């Protein structure tokens, strides 16, 4: 079976809009063109997709919530190298420990 997990991560985005059928919602935009947005938006919380919280093992067992959880990230680091038994993440996909600064704009729509 496929265990539920985080999914739908988007990168290299200039702007995104979340709205209802009437156009009410929010628009999120990048501040400068050098650093694009990276995000995910789902009808589940991250906790819903964690086995300890959800108590279910299959995707069809998770009930969508009446919400959209929006996660905006500066970047995400790769999860592994070229194999599944211990190779490190390639350096170009590694986020090294340091202070990062990131800005974006959230504005209402309609």
Protein backbone atom coordinates (compact mmCIF):
# COMPACT_ATOMS: atom_id res chain seq x y z
CA UNK A 1 0.00 0.00 0.00
CA UNK A 2 0.98 3.60 -0.39
CA UNK A 3 1.24 5.27 3.00
CA UNK A 4 -0.07 8.85 3.14
CA UNK A 5 2.69 11.42 3.28
CA UNK A 6 3.37 15.04 2.42
CA UNK A 7 2.89 15.75 -1.27
CA UNK A 8 2.24 18.52 -3.80
CA UNK A 9 5.32 20.65 -3.15
CA UNK A 10 5.71 23.36 -5.81
CA UNK A 11 8.83 25.38 -6.58
CA UNK A 12 9.89 28.29 -8.80
CA UNK A 13 6.55 30.09 -8.34
CA UNK A 14 6.14 33.85 -8.87
CA UNK A 15 2.77 34.11 -7.15
CA UNK A 16 -0.13 31.95 -5.98
CA UNK A 17 -3.75 32.65 -5.16
CA UNK A 18 -6.14 30.74 -2.91
CA UNK A 19 -9.78 31.78 -3.14
CA UNK A 20 -13.33 30.61 -2.72
CA UNK A 21 -15.94 30.50 -5.52
CA UNK A 22 -16.60 34.24 -5.05
CA UNK A 23 -12.94 35.20 -5.47
CA UNK A 24 -12.36 35.98 -1.79
CA UNK A 25 -9.00 34.78 -0.59
CA UNK A 26 -5.33 35.62 -0.54
CA UNK A 27 -2.57 36.21 -3.04
CA UNK A 28 1.02 35.37 -2.09
CA UNK A 29 3.81 36.96 -4.15
CA UNK A 30 7.58 36.82 -4.21
CA UNK A 31 9.34 40.00 -3.10
CA UNK A 32 12.09 39.83 -5.67
CA UNK A 33 12.60 37.81 -8.83
CA UNK A 34 15.78 36.16 -7.56
CA UNK A 35 14.04 34.10 -4.86
CA UNK A 36 10.83 32.43 -6.08
CA UNK A 37 8.15 30.96 -3.82
CA UNK A 38 8.08 27.31 -2.83
CA UNK A 39 4.86 26.00 -1.30
CA UNK A 40 2.30 23.27 -0.78
CA UNK A 41 -1.46 23.66 -0.24
CA UNK A 42 -3.63 20.74 0.90
CA UNK A 43 -6.96 19.90 2.50
CA UNK A 44 -5.05 18.02 5.19
CA UNK A 45 -2.70 19.11 7.94
CA UNK A 46 0.85 17.79 8.05
CA UNK A 47 -0.18 15.96 11.22
CA UNK A 48 -2.98 14.20 9.31
CA UNK A 49 -0.31 12.73 7.06
CA UNK A 50 1.83 11.43 9.94
CA UNK A 51 1.05 7.88 11.04
CA UNK A 52 1.36 8.74 14.76
CA UNK A 53 -1.38 11.37 14.42
CA UNK A 54 -3.71 9.90 11.84
CA UNK A 55 -3.96 6.33 13.10
CA UNK A 56 -4.65 5.11 9.53
CA UNK A 57 -2.39 3.44 6.99
CA UNK A 58 -4.09 4.15 3.68
CA UNK A 59 -4.72 7.32 1.70
CA UNK A 60 -8.44 6.61 1.24
CA UNK A 61 -8.90 6.53 5.03
CA UNK A 62 -7.99 10.20 5.53
CA UNK A 63 -10.95 12.56 5.43
CA UNK A 64 -10.29 15.93 3.76
CA UNK A 65 -10.75 18.88 6.13
CA UNK A 66 -12.78 22.01 5.45
CA UNK A 67 -9.58 24.06 5.23
CA UNK A 68 -6.52 24.59 3.12
CA UNK A 69 -3.18 24.32 4.91
CA UNK A 70 -0.66 26.50 3.09
CA UNK A 71 3.05 25.97 3.72
CA UNK A 72 5.47 28.52 2.29
CA UNK A 73 9.16 27.65 2.38
CA UNK A 74 12.37 29.35 1.40
CA UNK A 75 13.71 26.00 0.21
CA UNK A 76 13.65 22.32 1.11
CA UNK A 77 16.68 20.12 1.33
CA UNK A 78 16.92 16.91 -0.64
CA UNK A 79 16.17 13.76 1.38
CA UNK A 80 19.02 11.53 0.22
CA UNK A 81 21.75 10.72 -2.20
CA UNK A 82 21.88 8.24 -5.04
CA UNK A 83 20.82 5.22 -2.99
CA UNK A 84 18.54 4.44 -0.08
CA UNK A 85 21.16 3.05 2.29
CA UNK A 86 23.22 5.98 3.43
CA UNK A 87 24.56 8.15 0.60
CA UNK A 88 24.56 11.83 1.53
CA UNK A 89 22.47 14.42 -0.30
CA UNK A 90 24.36 16.05 -3.16
CA UNK A 91 25.92 19.34 -2.07
CA UNK A 92 23.85 21.44 -4.50
CA UNK A 93 20.66 20.10 -2.82
CA UNK A 94 21.92 20.53 0.75
CA UNK A 95 20.86 23.41 3.02
CA UNK A 96 23.75 23.99 5.37
CA UNK A 97 23.20 25.39 8.88
CA UNK A 98 23.26 29.20 8.74
CA UNK A 99 20.85 32.11 9.11
CA UNK A 100 18.52 32.47 6.13
CA UNK A 101 16.28 35.46 5.33
CA UNK A 102 13.24 35.18 3.10
CA UNK A 103 10.37 37.56 2.35
CA UNK A 104 7.04 37.30 0.59
CA UNK A 105 3.85 39.36 0.46
CA UNK A 106 0.38 38.15 1.46
CA UNK A 107 -2.55 40.33 0.37
CA UNK A 108 -6.34 39.82 0.34
CA UNK A 109 -8.17 39.29 -2.93
CA UNK A 110 -11.50 40.88 -3.82
